[in-house]
């Protein structure tokens, strides 16, 4: 575990990020007081995009979806 000041990490961010990627944990200090811990994430699955059509067939978008709202609905939204 490495203790590093906020000023030091700000001036050498890439260097410290690489150390975290290599498995080290950093304790961030402000005025010699610990304020945060930066550590690697273990066993994190890579992010994947949601498949297209995930909810296909679960609902129907009405034909008038893009039409302006009725005046009474607009009034409710606007607090009139």
PDB file of N, CA and C in Angstrom:
ATOM      1  N   UNK A   1       0.857  -1.177   0.000  1.00  0.00           N
ATOM      2  CA  UNK A   1       0.000   0.000   0.000  1.00  0.00           C
ATOM      3  C   UNK A   1       0.899   1.234   0.000  1.00  0.00           C
ATOM      4  N   UNK A   2       0.609   2.126  -0.925  1.00  0.00           N
ATOM      5  CA  UNK A   2       1.411   3.334  -1.099  1.00  0.00           C
ATOM      6  C   UNK A   2       0.609   4.536  -0.611  1.00  0.00           C
ATOM      7  N   UNK A   3       1.256   5.407   0.134  1.00  0.00           N
ATOM      8  CA  UNK A   3       0.623   6.639   0.582  1.00  0.00           C
ATOM      9  C   UNK A   3       1.152   7.764  -0.291  1.00  0.00           C
ATOM     10  N   UNK A   4       0.233   8.511  -0.916  1.00  0.00           N
ATOM     11  CA  UNK A   4       0.638   9.555  -1.853  1.00  0.00           C
ATOM     12  C   UNK A   4      -0.271  10.771  -1.686  1.00  0.00           C
ATOM     13  N   UNK A   5       0.314  11.952  -1.788  1.00  0.00           N
ATOM     14  CA  UNK A   5      -0.475  13.177  -1.636  1.00  0.00           C
ATOM     15  C   UNK A   5      -1.302  13.432  -2.891  1.00  0.00           C
ATOM     16  N   UNK A   6      -2.371  14.166  -2.712  1.00  0.00           N
ATOM     17  CA  UNK A   6      -3.232  14.537  -3.837  1.00  0.00           C
ATOM     18  C   UNK A   6      -2.417  15.332  -4.860  1.00  0.00           C
ATOM     19  N   UNK A   7      -1.561  16.212  -4.408  1.00  0.00           N
ATOM     20  CA  UNK A   7      -0.743  17.006  -5.315  1.00  0.00           C
ATOM     21  C   UNK A   7       0.186  16.120  -6.139  1.00  0.00           C
ATOM     22  N   UNK A   8       0.801  15.121  -5.505  1.00  0.00           N
ATOM     23  CA  UNK A   8       1.716  14.220  -6.199  1.00  0.00           C
ATOM     24  C   UNK A   8       0.981  13.379  -7.237  1.00  0.00           C
ATOM     25  N   UNK A   9      -0.168  12.835  -6.867  1.00  0.00           N
ATOM     26  CA  UNK A   9      -0.901  12.006  -7.824  1.00  0.00           C
ATOM     27  C   UNK A   9      -1.415  12.851  -8.983  1.00  0.00           C
ATOM     28  N   UNK A  10      -1.786  14.105  -8.705  1.00  0.00           N
ATOM     29  CA  UNK A  10      -2.268  14.985  -9.772  1.00  0.00           C
ATOM     30  C   UNK A  10      -1.159  15.284 -10.783  1.00  0.00           C
ATOM     31  N   UNK A  11       0.061  15.418 -10.318  1.00  0.00           N
ATOM     32  CA  UNK A  11       1.160  15.748 -11.228  1.00  0.00           C
ATOM     33  C   UNK A  11       1.728  14.522 -11.942  1.00  0.00           C
ATOM     34  N   UNK A  12       1.433  13.317 -11.456  1.00  0.00           N
ATOM     35  CA  UNK A  12       1.947  12.089 -12.067  1.00  0.00           C
ATOM     36  C   UNK A  12       0.853  11.035 -12.190  1.00  0.00           C
ATOM     37  N   UNK A  13      -0.334  11.451 -12.614  1.00  0.00           N
ATOM     38  CA  UNK A  13      -1.500  10.574 -12.608  1.00  0.00           C
ATOM     39  C   UNK A  13      -1.286   9.274 -13.375  1.00  0.00           C
ATOM     40  N   UNK A  14      -0.769   9.346 -14.583  1.00  0.00           N
ATOM     41  CA  UNK A  14      -0.599   8.142 -15.404  1.00  0.00           C
ATOM     42  C   UNK A  14       0.315   7.137 -14.710  1.00  0.00           C
ATOM     43  N   UNK A  15       1.379   7.619 -14.113  1.00  0.00           N
ATOM     44  CA  UNK A  15       2.317   6.726 -13.415  1.00  0.00           C
ATOM     45  C   UNK A  15       1.613   5.964 -12.289  1.00  0.00           C
ATOM     46  N   UNK A  16       0.778   6.662 -11.524  1.00  0.00           N
ATOM     47  CA  UNK A  16       0.090   5.996 -10.408  1.00  0.00           C
ATOM     48  C   UNK A  16      -1.041   5.098 -10.890  1.00  0.00           C
ATOM     49  N   UNK A  17      -1.717   5.485 -11.955  1.00  0.00           N
ATOM     50  CA  UNK A  17      -2.760   4.618 -12.520  1.00  0.00           C
ATOM     51  C   UNK A  17      -2.134   3.298 -12.975  1.00  0.00           C
ATOM     52  N   UNK A  18      -0.973   3.376 -13.594  1.00  0.00           N
ATOM     53  CA  UNK A  18      -0.291   2.141 -14.017  1.00  0.00           C
ATOM     54  C   UNK A  18       0.045   1.258 -12.825  1.00  0.00           C
ATOM     55  N   UNK A  19       0.461   1.866 -11.733  1.00  0.00           N
ATOM     56  CA  UNK A  19       0.783   1.069 -10.534  1.00  0.00           C
ATOM     57  C   UNK A  19      -0.465   0.375 -10.000  1.00  0.00           C
ATOM     58  N   UNK A  20      -1.604   1.057 -10.033  1.00  0.00           N
ATOM     59  CA  UNK A  20      -2.861   0.434  -9.603  1.00  0.00           C
ATOM     60  C   UNK A  20      -3.214  -0.707 -10.547  1.00  0.00           C
ATOM     61  N   UNK A  21      -3.057  -0.493 -11.849  1.00  0.00           N
ATOM     62  CA  UNK A  21      -3.329  -1.554 -12.820  1.00  0.00           C
ATOM     63  C   UNK A  21      -2.450  -2.779 -12.576  1.00  0.00           C
ATOM     64  N   UNK A  22      -1.258  -2.563 -12.049  1.00  0.00           N
ATOM     65  CA  UNK A  22      -0.339  -3.660 -11.734  1.00  0.00           C
ATOM     66  C   UNK A  22      -0.664  -4.332 -10.406  1.00  0.00           C
ATOM     67  N   UNK A  23      -1.675  -3.805  -9.690  1.00  0.00           N
ATOM     68  CA  UNK A  23      -2.124  -4.465  -8.473  1.00  0.00           C
ATOM     69  C   UNK A  23      -1.884  -3.730  -7.168  1.00  0.00           C
ATOM     70  N   UNK A  24      -1.255  -2.577  -7.211  1.00  0.00           N
ATOM     71  CA  UNK A  24      -0.981  -1.841  -5.978  1.00  0.00           C
ATOM     72  C   UNK A  24      -2.197  -1.030  -5.529  1.00  0.00           C
ATOM     73  N   UNK A  25      -2.272  -0.777  -4.236  1.00  0.00           N
ATOM     74  CA  UNK A  25      -3.317   0.057  -3.652  1.00  0.00           C
ATOM     75  C   UNK A  25      -2.689   1.365  -3.197  1.00  0.00           C
ATOM     76  N   UNK A  26      -3.361   2.472  -3.502  1.00  0.00           N
ATOM     77  CA  UNK A  26      -2.871   3.788  -3.107  1.00  0.00           C
ATOM     78  C   UNK A  26      -3.793   4.385  -2.052  1.00  0.00           C
ATOM     79  N   UNK A  27      -3.196   5.019  -1.061  1.00  0.00           N
ATOM     80  CA  UNK A  27      -3.941   5.814  -0.082  1.00  0.00           C
ATOM     81  C   UNK A  27      -3.656   7.271  -0.416  1.00  0.00           C
ATOM     82  N   UNK A  28      -4.707   8.024  -0.754  1.00  0.00           N
ATOM     83  CA  UNK A  28      -4.546   9.431  -1.093  1.00  0.00           C
ATOM     84  C   UNK A  28      -4.587  10.276   0.170  1.00  0.00           C
ATOM     85  N   UNK A  29      -3.636  11.195   0.277  1.00  0.00           N
ATOM     86  CA  UNK A  29      -3.514  12.045   1.464  1.00  0.00           C
ATOM     87  C   UNK A  29      -3.716  13.508   1.100  1.00  0.00           C
ATOM     88  N   UNK A  30      -4.394  14.227   1.981  1.00  0.00           N
ATOM     89  CA  UNK A  30      -4.465  15.685   1.889  1.00  0.00           C
ATOM     90  C   UNK A  30      -4.037  16.198   3.251  1.00  0.00           C
ATOM     91  N   UNK A  31      -2.985  17.005   3.260  1.00  0.00           N
ATOM     92  CA  UNK A  31      -2.402  17.512   4.511  1.00  0.00           C
ATOM     93  C   UNK A  31      -2.069  16.349   5.446  1.00  0.00           C
ATOM     94  N   UNK A  32      -1.457  15.314   4.909  1.00  0.00           N
ATOM     95  CA  UNK A  32      -1.048  14.109   5.645  1.00  0.00           C
ATOM     96  C   UNK A  32      -2.209  13.352   6.276  1.00  0.00           C
ATOM     97  N   UNK A  33      -3.434  13.619   5.820  1.00  0.00           N
ATOM     98  CA  UNK A  33      -4.614  12.917   6.328  1.00  0.00           C
ATOM     99  C   UNK A  33      -5.197  12.043   5.216  1.00  0.00           C
ATOM    100  N   UNK A  34      -5.405  10.749   5.453  1.00  0.00           N
ATOM    101  CA  UNK A  34      -5.975   9.884   4.422  1.00  0.00           C
ATOM    102  C   UNK A  34      -7.390  10.336   4.057  1.00  0.00           C
ATOM    103  N   UNK A  35      -7.655  10.435   2.738  1.00  0.00           N
ATOM    104  CA  UNK A  35      -8.994  10.851   2.302  1.00  0.00           C
ATOM    105  C   UNK A  35      -9.638   9.844   1.346  1.00  0.00           C
ATOM    106  N   UNK A  36      -8.828   8.980   0.736  1.00  0.00           N
ATOM    107  CA  UNK A  36      -9.401   8.027  -0.217  1.00  0.00           C
ATOM    108  C   UNK A  36      -8.433   6.880  -0.453  1.00  0.00           C
ATOM    109  N   UNK A  37      -8.998   5.802  -0.968  1.00  0.00           N
ATOM    110  CA  UNK A  37      -8.199   4.642  -1.333  1.00  0.00           C
ATOM    111  C   UNK A  37      -8.464   4.332  -2.799  1.00  0.00           C
ATOM    112  N   UNK A  38      -7.422   4.139  -3.555  1.00  0.00           N
ATOM    113  CA  UNK A  38      -7.529   3.785  -4.966  1.00  0.00           C
ATOM    114  C   UNK A  38      -6.918   2.404  -5.120  1.00  0.00           C
ATOM    115  N   UNK A  39      -7.747   1.445  -5.535  1.00  0.00           N
ATOM    116  CA  UNK A  39      -7.263   0.066  -5.626  1.00  0.00           C
ATOM    117  C   UNK A  39      -7.780  -0.586  -6.891  1.00  0.00           C
ATOM    118  N   UNK A  40      -7.106  -1.645  -7.337  1.00  0.00           N
ATOM    119  CA  UNK A  40      -7.564  -2.337  -8.543  1.00  0.00           C
ATOM    120  C   UNK A  40      -8.865  -3.087  -8.279  1.00  0.00           C
ATOM    121  N   UNK A  41      -9.636  -3.273  -9.329  1.00  0.00           N
ATOM    122  CA  UNK A  41     -10.867  -4.054  -9.243  1.00  0.00           C
ATOM    123  C   UNK A  41     -10.513  -5.487  -9.603  1.00  0.00           C
ATOM    124  N   UNK A  42     -10.849  -6.406  -8.743  1.00  0.00           N
ATOM    125  CA  UNK A  42     -10.553  -7.818  -8.966  1.00  0.00           C
ATOM    126  C   UNK A  42     -11.686  -8.491  -9.726  1.00  0.00           C
ATOM    127  N   UNK A  43     -11.339  -9.348 -10.657  1.00  0.00           N
ATOM    128  CA  UNK A  43     -12.290 -10.181 -11.389  1.00  0.00           C
ATOM    129  C   UNK A  43     -13.413  -9.388 -12.049  1.00  0.00           C
ATOM    130  N   UNK A  44     -13.102  -8.231 -12.567  1.00  0.00           N
ATOM    131  CA  UNK A  44     -14.110  -7.407 -13.217  1.00  0.00           C
ATOM    132  C   UNK A  44     -14.298  -7.886 -14.649  1.00  0.00           C
ATOM    133  N   UNK A  45     -15.513  -8.258 -14.992  1.00  0.00           N
ATOM    134  CA  UNK A  45     -15.810  -8.663 -16.360  1.00  0.00           C
ATOM    135  C   UNK A  45     -15.766  -7.432 -17.259  1.00  0.00           C
ATOM    136  N   UNK A  46     -15.284  -7.585 -18.480  1.00  0.00           N
ATOM    137  CA  UNK A  46     -15.270  -6.427 -19.394  1.00  0.00           C
ATOM    138  C   UNK A  46     -16.688  -5.972 -19.704  1.00  0.00           C
ATOM    139  N   UNK A  47     -16.829  -4.673 -19.882  1.00  0.00           N
ATOM    140  CA  UNK A  47     -18.135  -4.113 -20.213  1.00  0.00           C
ATOM    141  C   UNK A  47     -18.524  -4.537 -21.618  1.00  0.00           C
ATOM    142  N   UNK A  48     -19.763  -4.900 -21.787  1.00  0.00           N
ATOM    143  CA  UNK A  48     -20.231  -5.259 -23.118  1.00  0.00           C
ATOM    144  C   UNK A  48     -21.463  -4.424 -23.445  1.00  0.00           C
ATOM    145  N   UNK A  49     -21.683  -4.215 -24.728  1.00  0.00           N
ATOM    146  CA  UNK A  49     -22.826  -3.433 -25.159  1.00  0.00           C
ATOM    147  C   UNK A  49     -24.087  -4.277 -25.044  1.00  0.00           C
ATOM    148  N   UNK A  50     -25.181  -3.618 -24.767  1.00  0.00           N
ATOM    149  CA  UNK A  50     -26.463  -4.312 -24.720  1.00  0.00           C
ATOM    150  C   UNK A  50     -26.846  -4.710 -26.127  1.00  0.00           C
ATOM    151  N   UNK A  51     -27.377  -5.893 -26.299  1.00  0.00           N
ATOM    152  CA  UNK A  51     -27.748  -6.324 -27.647  1.00  0.00           C
ATOM    153  C   UNK A  51     -28.927  -5.517 -28.195  1.00  0.00           C
ATOM    154  N   UNK A  52     -28.908  -5.275 -29.485  1.00  0.00           N
ATOM    155  CA  UNK A  52     -29.983  -4.551 -30.150  1.00  0.00           C
ATOM    156  C   UNK A  52     -31.252  -5.398 -30.093  1.00  0.00           C
ATOM    157  N   UNK A  53     -32.375  -4.776 -29.802  1.00  0.00           N
ATOM    158  CA  UNK A  53     -33.646  -5.490 -29.772  1.00  0.00           C
ATOM    159  C   UNK A  53     -33.867  -6.281 -28.497  1.00  0.00           C
ATOM    160  N   UNK A  54     -33.222  -5.893 -27.417  1.00  0.00           N
ATOM    161  CA  UNK A  54     -33.314  -6.626 -26.160  1.00  0.00           C
ATOM    162  C   UNK A  54     -34.755  -6.782 -25.667  1.00  0.00           C
ATOM    163  N   UNK A  55     -35.580  -5.778 -25.871  1.00  0.00           N
ATOM    164  CA  UNK A  55     -36.974  -5.817 -25.409  1.00  0.00           C
ATOM    165  C   UNK A  55     -37.962  -5.985 -26.562  1.00  0.00           C
ATOM    166  N   UNK A  56     -37.483  -6.477 -27.673  1.00  0.00           N
ATOM    167  CA  UNK A  56     -38.357  -6.623 -28.844  1.00  0.00           C
ATOM    168  C   UNK A  56     -39.594  -7.443 -28.499  1.00  0.00           C
ATOM    169  N   UNK A  57     -40.754  -6.923 -28.877  1.00  0.00           N
ATOM    170  CA  UNK A  57     -42.007  -7.626 -28.650  1.00  0.00           C
ATOM    171  C   UNK A  57     -42.606  -7.429 -27.273  1.00  0.00           C
ATOM    172  N   UNK A  58     -41.934  -6.735 -26.381  1.00  0.00           N
ATOM    173  CA  UNK A  58     -42.453  -6.531 -25.030  1.00  0.00           C
ATOM    174  C   UNK A  58     -43.382  -5.327 -24.928  1.00  0.00           C
ATOM    175  N   UNK A  59     -43.294  -4.392 -25.854  1.00  0.00           N
ATOM    176  CA  UNK A  59     -44.195  -3.243 -25.863  1.00  0.00           C
ATOM    177  C   UNK A  59     -44.312  -2.721 -27.293  1.00  0.00           C
ATOM    178  N   UNK A  60     -45.322  -1.916 -27.508  1.00  0.00           N
ATOM    179  CA  UNK A  60     -45.561  -1.335 -28.825  1.00  0.00           C
ATOM    180  C   UNK A  60     -45.528   0.178 -28.683  1.00  0.00           C
ATOM    181  N   UNK A  61     -44.757   0.837 -29.526  1.00  0.00           N
ATOM    182  CA  UNK A  61     -44.697   2.290 -29.525  1.00  0.00           C
ATOM    183  C   UNK A  61     -45.889   2.786 -30.345  1.00  0.00           C
ATOM    184  N   UNK A  62     -46.773   3.597 -29.730  1.00  0.00           N
ATOM    185  CA  UNK A  62     -47.958   4.062 -30.457  1.00  0.00           C
ATOM    186  C   UNK A  62     -47.581   4.965 -31.633  1.00  0.00           C
ATOM    187  N   UNK A  63     -48.436   4.985 -32.632  1.00  0.00           N
ATOM    188  CA  UNK A  63     -48.198   5.798 -33.828  1.00  0.00           C
ATOM    189  C   UNK A  63     -48.085   7.284 -33.508  1.00  0.00           C
ATOM    190  N   UNK A  64     -48.793   7.750 -32.474  1.00  0.00           N
ATOM    191  CA  UNK A  64     -48.781   9.177 -32.137  1.00  0.00           C
ATOM    192  C   UNK A  64     -47.719   9.528 -31.085  1.00  0.00           C
ATOM    193  N   UNK A  65     -46.728   8.699 -30.935  1.00  0.00           N
ATOM    194  CA  UNK A  65     -45.693   8.893 -29.913  1.00  0.00           C
ATOM    195  C   UNK A  65     -45.040  10.276 -29.998  1.00  0.00           C
ATOM    196  N   UNK A  66     -44.767  10.739 -31.216  1.00  0.00           N
ATOM    197  CA  UNK A  66     -44.073  12.021 -31.405  1.00  0.00           C
ATOM    198  C   UNK A  66     -45.008  13.221 -31.489  1.00  0.00           C
ATOM    199  N   UNK A  67     -46.287  13.018 -31.374  1.00  0.00           N
ATOM    200  CA  UNK A  67     -47.250  14.109 -31.468  1.00  0.00           C
ATOM    201  C   UNK A  67     -47.180  14.983 -30.206  1.00  0.00           C
ATOM    202  N   UNK A  68     -47.534  16.264 -30.326  1.00  0.00           N
ATOM    203  CA  UNK A  68     -47.578  17.129 -29.141  1.00  0.00           C
ATOM    204  C   UNK A  68     -48.588  16.590 -28.121  1.00  0.00           C
ATOM    205  N   UNK A  69     -48.291  16.838 -26.860  1.00  0.00           N
ATOM    206  CA  UNK A  69     -49.196  16.404 -25.796  1.00  0.00           C
ATOM    207  C   UNK A  69     -50.459  17.260 -25.794  1.00  0.00           C
ATOM    208  N   UNK A  70     -51.570  16.691 -25.330  1.00  0.00           N
ATOM    209  CA  UNK A  70     -52.799  17.481 -25.197  1.00  0.00           C
ATOM    210  C   UNK A  70     -52.581  18.634 -24.213  1.00  0.00           C
ATOM    211  N   UNK A  71     -53.323  19.712 -24.422  1.00  0.00           N
ATOM    212  CA  UNK A  71     -53.174  20.918 -23.602  1.00  0.00           C
ATOM    213  C   UNK A  71     -53.349  20.626 -22.116  1.00  0.00           C
ATOM    214  N   UNK A  72     -54.334  19.770 -21.736  1.00  0.00           N
ATOM    215  CA  UNK A  72     -54.554  19.492 -20.309  1.00  0.00           C
ATOM    216  C   UNK A  72     -53.374  18.740 -19.682  1.00  0.00           C
ATOM    217  N   UNK A  73     -52.689  17.913 -20.447  1.00  0.00           N
ATOM    218  CA  UNK A  73     -51.501  17.201 -19.926  1.00  0.00           C
ATOM    219  C   UNK A  73     -50.361  18.189 -19.755  1.00  0.00           C
ATOM    220  N   UNK A  74     -50.151  19.058 -20.739  1.00  0.00           N
ATOM    221  CA  UNK A  74     -49.132  20.089 -20.603  1.00  0.00           C
ATOM    222  C   UNK A  74     -49.384  20.986 -19.396  1.00  0.00           C
ATOM    223  N   UNK A  75     -50.632  21.339 -19.176  1.00  0.00           N
ATOM    224  CA  UNK A  75     -50.985  22.173 -18.029  1.00  0.00           C
ATOM    225  C   UNK A  75     -50.627  21.467 -16.729  1.00  0.00           C
ATOM    226  N   UNK A  76     -50.877  20.172 -16.641  1.00  0.00           N
ATOM    227  CA  UNK A  76     -50.512  19.422 -15.426  1.00  0.00           C
ATOM    228  C   UNK A  76     -49.001  19.436 -15.199  1.00  0.00           C
ATOM    229  N   UNK A  77     -48.232  19.256 -16.269  1.00  0.00           N
ATOM    230  CA  UNK A  77     -46.773  19.271 -16.136  1.00  0.00           C
ATOM    231  C   UNK A  77     -46.267  20.636 -15.714  1.00  0.00           C
ATOM    232  N   UNK A  78     -46.909  21.674 -16.198  1.00  0.00           N
ATOM    233  CA  UNK A  78     -46.461  23.041 -15.924  1.00  0.00           C
ATOM    234  C   UNK A  78     -47.094  23.620 -14.671  1.00  0.00           C
ATOM    235  N   UNK A  79     -47.949  22.855 -14.003  1.00  0.00           N
ATOM    236  CA  UNK A  79     -48.565  23.319 -12.747  1.00  0.00           C
ATOM    237  C   UNK A  79     -49.617  24.383 -12.942  1.00  0.00           C
ATOM    238  N   UNK A  80     -50.261  24.369 -14.110  1.00  0.00           N
ATOM    239  CA  UNK A  80     -51.323  25.350 -14.352  1.00  0.00           C
ATOM    240  C   UNK A  80     -52.659  24.788 -13.941  1.00  0.00           C
TER     241      UNK A  80
END
